[in-house]
Protein backbone atom coordinates (compact mmCIF):
# COMPACT_ATOMS: atom_id res chain seq x y z
CA MET A 1 -0.09 -0.02 -0.02
CA ASP A 2 0.88 3.55 -0.70
CA GLU A 3 1.76 5.33 2.18
CA ARG A 4 1.41 8.58 0.90
CA THR A 5 -1.59 10.94 2.97
CA ILE A 6 -4.35 11.83 0.26
CA GLY A 7 -7.00 14.38 1.54
CA PHE A 8 -10.26 13.63 -0.64
CA ALA A 9 -13.34 16.61 -0.60
CA LEU A 10 -16.77 16.04 -1.40
CA CYS A 11 -19.01 19.47 -2.31
CA GLY A 12 -22.87 19.39 -2.94
CA SER A 13 -22.74 17.62 -6.42
CA TYR A 14 -25.53 14.71 -4.40
CA CYS A 15 -26.28 12.96 -7.44
CA THR A 16 -22.65 12.55 -7.68
CA PHE A 17 -22.70 10.91 -4.63
CA ASP A 18 -22.54 7.27 -5.21
CA LYS A 19 -19.82 7.64 -8.04
CA ALA A 20 -17.73 9.73 -5.38
CA LEU A 21 -17.87 6.59 -2.75
CA ARG A 22 -17.10 4.10 -5.76
CA THR A 23 -13.64 5.74 -6.56
CA LEU A 24 -13.62 6.55 -2.50
CA ALA A 25 -13.34 2.92 -1.90
CA GLU A 26 -10.78 2.26 -4.75
CA LEU A 27 -8.35 4.78 -3.39
CA SER A 28 -8.64 2.89 -0.01
CA GLU A 29 -7.11 -0.01 -1.55
CA MET A 30 -4.77 2.27 -3.15
CA TYR A 31 -3.40 4.28 -0.09
CA ASP A 32 -2.59 3.78 3.23
CA ASN A 33 -4.01 7.14 4.44
CA ILE A 34 -6.96 8.87 3.36
CA VAL A 35 -8.41 12.15 4.70
CA PRO A 36 -12.11 13.07 4.17
CA ILE A 37 -13.27 16.33 3.80
CA MET A 38 -16.73 17.51 3.07
CA SER A 39 -18.29 20.99 2.53
CA GLU A 40 -20.71 22.33 5.49
CA LYS A 41 -23.50 21.48 2.74
CA ALA A 42 -22.49 17.83 2.42
CA TYR A 43 -21.87 17.09 5.76
CA SER A 44 -25.31 18.14 7.12
CA THR A 45 -27.73 17.91 4.11
CA ASP A 46 -30.10 15.28 3.70
CA THR A 47 -31.23 14.73 0.00
CA ARG A 48 -33.44 12.25 -3.03
CA PHE A 49 -29.74 11.29 -3.48
CA GLY A 50 -29.47 9.86 0.45
CA LYS A 51 -29.48 11.02 4.22
CA ALA A 52 -26.03 12.95 5.31
CA ARG A 53 -25.87 10.71 8.19
CA ASP A 54 -25.38 7.77 6.03
CA PHE A 55 -23.13 9.09 4.02
CA ILE A 56 -21.13 10.13 6.77
CA ASP A 57 -21.09 6.82 8.11
CA GLU A 58 -19.71 4.94 4.73
CA ILE A 59 -16.82 7.52 4.04
CA GLU A 60 -15.82 7.02 7.55
CA ALA A 61 -15.61 3.85 7.92
CA LEU A 62 -13.95 3.54 4.81
CA CYS A 63 -11.26 6.22 5.68
CA GLY A 64 -11.07 4.95 9.13
CA ARG A 65 -11.09 8.27 10.99
CA SER A 66 -13.45 11.43 11.19
CA ILE A 67 -14.59 14.12 8.24
CA ILE A 68 -12.84 17.13 8.28
CA HIS A 69 -16.31 19.74 7.74
CA THR A 70 -15.35 22.90 9.06
CA ILE A 71 -13.06 25.60 8.01
CA ALA A 72 -11.07 25.71 11.55
CA GLN A 73 -10.80 21.58 11.48
CA ALA A 74 -9.55 22.55 7.56
CA GLU A 75 -6.90 25.23 8.18
CA PRO A 76 -3.95 23.23 9.79
CA ILE A 77 -3.85 21.53 6.98
CA GLY A 78 -1.37 23.62 5.82
CA PRO A 79 0.46 25.09 8.29
CA LYS A 80 1.07 20.96 9.55
CA ASN A 81 1.54 19.93 5.74
CA LEU A 82 -1.23 16.72 6.38
CA LEU A 83 -1.62 16.22 2.56
CA ASP A 84 0.43 15.21 0.02
CA LEU A 85 -2.33 15.71 -2.44
CA LEU A 86 -6.00 16.40 -2.37
CA VAL A 87 -8.65 15.64 -4.28
CA ILE A 88 -12.24 17.75 -4.79
CA ALA A 89 -14.96 15.06 -6.08
CA PRO A 90 -17.30 16.41 -6.82
CA CYS A 91 -16.32 19.57 -7.24
CA THR A 92 -19.63 22.06 -7.43
CA GLY A 93 -19.68 25.24 -10.30
CA ASN A 94 -20.10 27.07 -6.58
CA THR A 95 -16.66 25.84 -5.41
CA LEU A 96 -15.26 25.97 -8.85
CA ALA A 97 -15.79 29.64 -9.17
CA LYS A 98 -14.64 30.35 -5.65
CA LEU A 99 -11.68 28.54 -6.22
CA ALA A 100 -10.40 30.57 -9.45
CA HIS A 101 -11.29 33.42 -7.21
CA GLY A 102 -9.53 32.69 -3.89
CA ILE A 103 -12.58 33.03 -2.27
CA THR A 104 -11.96 30.50 1.38
CA ASP A 105 -15.50 30.37 3.22
CA SER A 106 -16.11 26.64 3.11
CA SER A 107 -14.05 23.63 4.43
CA VAL A 108 -13.53 22.38 0.93
CA THR A 109 -12.00 25.81 0.21
CA MET A 110 -10.34 26.18 2.96
CA ALA A 111 -8.60 22.68 2.79
CA ALA A 112 -7.44 23.71 -0.79
CA LYS A 113 -6.21 27.24 -0.13
CA ALA A 114 -4.12 25.46 2.58
CA HIS A 115 -2.39 22.82 0.47
CA LEU A 116 -2.00 24.79 -2.36
CA ARG A 117 0.59 26.87 0.29
CA ASN A 118 2.63 23.87 0.54
CA GLY A 119 2.66 23.69 -3.36
CA LYS A 120 1.34 20.47 -3.29
CA PRO A 121 -1.02 19.03 -6.49
CA LEU A 122 -5.26 19.64 -6.57
CA LEU A 123 -6.77 17.26 -8.19
CA ILE A 124 -10.60 18.57 -9.43
CA ALA A 125 -13.54 16.75 -10.24
CA VAL A 126 -15.86 18.43 -11.74
CA SER A 127 -19.89 18.15 -11.44
CA THR A 128 -21.59 21.13 -12.43
CA ASN A 129 -24.54 21.82 -14.83
CA ASP A 130 -22.86 25.61 -15.37
CA GLY A 131 -19.59 23.99 -16.20
CA LEU A 132 -19.63 25.50 -19.95
CA THR A 133 -22.01 28.68 -19.53
CA GLY A 134 -22.06 30.61 -15.95
CA ASN A 135 -18.73 28.71 -14.60
CA ALA A 136 -16.53 28.58 -18.14
CA ALA A 137 -14.22 31.35 -17.12
CA ASN A 138 -13.38 30.10 -13.91
CA LEU A 139 -13.16 26.78 -15.26
CA GLY A 140 -10.10 28.36 -17.48
CA LEU A 141 -8.65 29.68 -14.70
CA LEU A 142 -7.97 27.26 -12.95
CA LEU A 143 -6.60 24.90 -15.27
CA ASN A 144 -4.09 27.26 -16.19
CA ARG A 145 -3.62 27.50 -12.36
CA LYS A 146 0.28 26.03 -11.39
CA ASN A 147 -0.49 22.76 -8.95
CA VAL A 148 -4.38 22.45 -10.10
CA TYR A 149 -5.30 19.13 -12.47
CA PHE A 150 -7.83 17.93 -13.44
CA VAL A 151 -9.95 14.89 -13.78
CA PRO A 152 -11.03 14.79 -17.59
CA PHE A 153 -14.50 15.45 -17.91
CA GLY A 154 -17.01 16.03 -20.40
CA GLN A 155 -20.94 16.94 -21.27
CA ASP A 156 -22.78 14.30 -19.02
CA ASP A 157 -25.82 15.45 -20.94
CA PRO A 158 -25.48 17.86 -23.97
CA HIS A 159 -29.22 17.53 -25.37
CA LYS A 160 -31.07 18.53 -22.31
CA LYS A 161 -28.41 20.10 -20.12
CA PRO A 162 -25.67 21.56 -22.83
CA GLY A 163 -23.65 23.97 -20.17
CA SER A 164 -23.28 20.84 -17.54
CA LEU A 165 -19.94 19.01 -17.28
CA ILE A 166 -19.04 15.96 -15.20
CA ALA A 167 -15.75 14.08 -14.80
CA ASP A 168 -15.16 10.81 -15.62
CA PHE A 169 -15.10 9.44 -11.44
CA ARG A 170 -13.65 6.57 -12.93
CA LEU A 171 -10.10 8.25 -13.65
CA ILE A 172 -9.66 9.81 -10.62
CA PRO A 173 -7.62 6.83 -9.49
CA GLN A 174 -5.05 7.53 -12.78
CA ALA A 175 -5.17 11.56 -12.43
CA VAL A 176 -4.39 11.12 -9.05
CA GLU A 177 -1.16 8.45 -10.17
CA SER A 178 -0.39 11.33 -12.94
CA ALA A 179 -1.07 14.66 -10.60
CA PHE A 180 1.79 13.49 -8.44
CA ASN A 181 4.02 13.13 -11.03
CA GLY A 182 2.93 16.93 -11.91
CA VAL A 183 1.18 15.45 -15.35
CA GLN A 184 -2.06 16.53 -16.36
CA ILE A 185 -3.69 13.46 -17.62
CA GLN A 186 -4.91 13.92 -21.59
CA PRO A 187 -6.84 14.03 -22.71
CA VAL A 188 -8.60 16.45 -20.58
CA LEU A 189 -11.62 16.94 -22.28
CA ARG A 190 -13.62 13.05 -23.22
CA PHE A 191 -17.17 11.75 -24.79
CA ASP A 192 -17.05 8.96 -23.12
CA ILE A 193 -18.45 10.39 -19.61
CA GLY A 194 -19.59 7.03 -17.78
């Protein structure tokens, strides 16, 4: 098992939590140390996709530790140099915009800011209905940012939701290894999103 420490953060794209949890289970088979992080909304909101408590229990069981879910809990990630890599999966359009503009008003954005100060990789698995509309500029800013990498993404339903983008969660383990090596996995744009 790999002893590097990975942070795994979830934001409120609740419809992708099943994919995120499958990916987290796969990563937990590969890496000894996974630090779970959830945005405050993801940590506390029950939705038609499931109860927050059920997600919390499953995530904590997979990682063997409590979830970081407040700004105060996330802030020490930087000064204590806790992570070798941080994955945000899913990363909502809201979080994408905040990352692009340096806004740190949630546990996930604070974790990202704190982690990036150490010059280590941040891997984003985008999941947003406005990736090709209102968030396109933010996506462009982050694609060009040092130490920020993306899980390959594409349109999940181009006819019904033409502005929507989703990462191919199946590629997260491969994208993690690429980001550790300072390489953006290619091609970034995919047409076979599953």
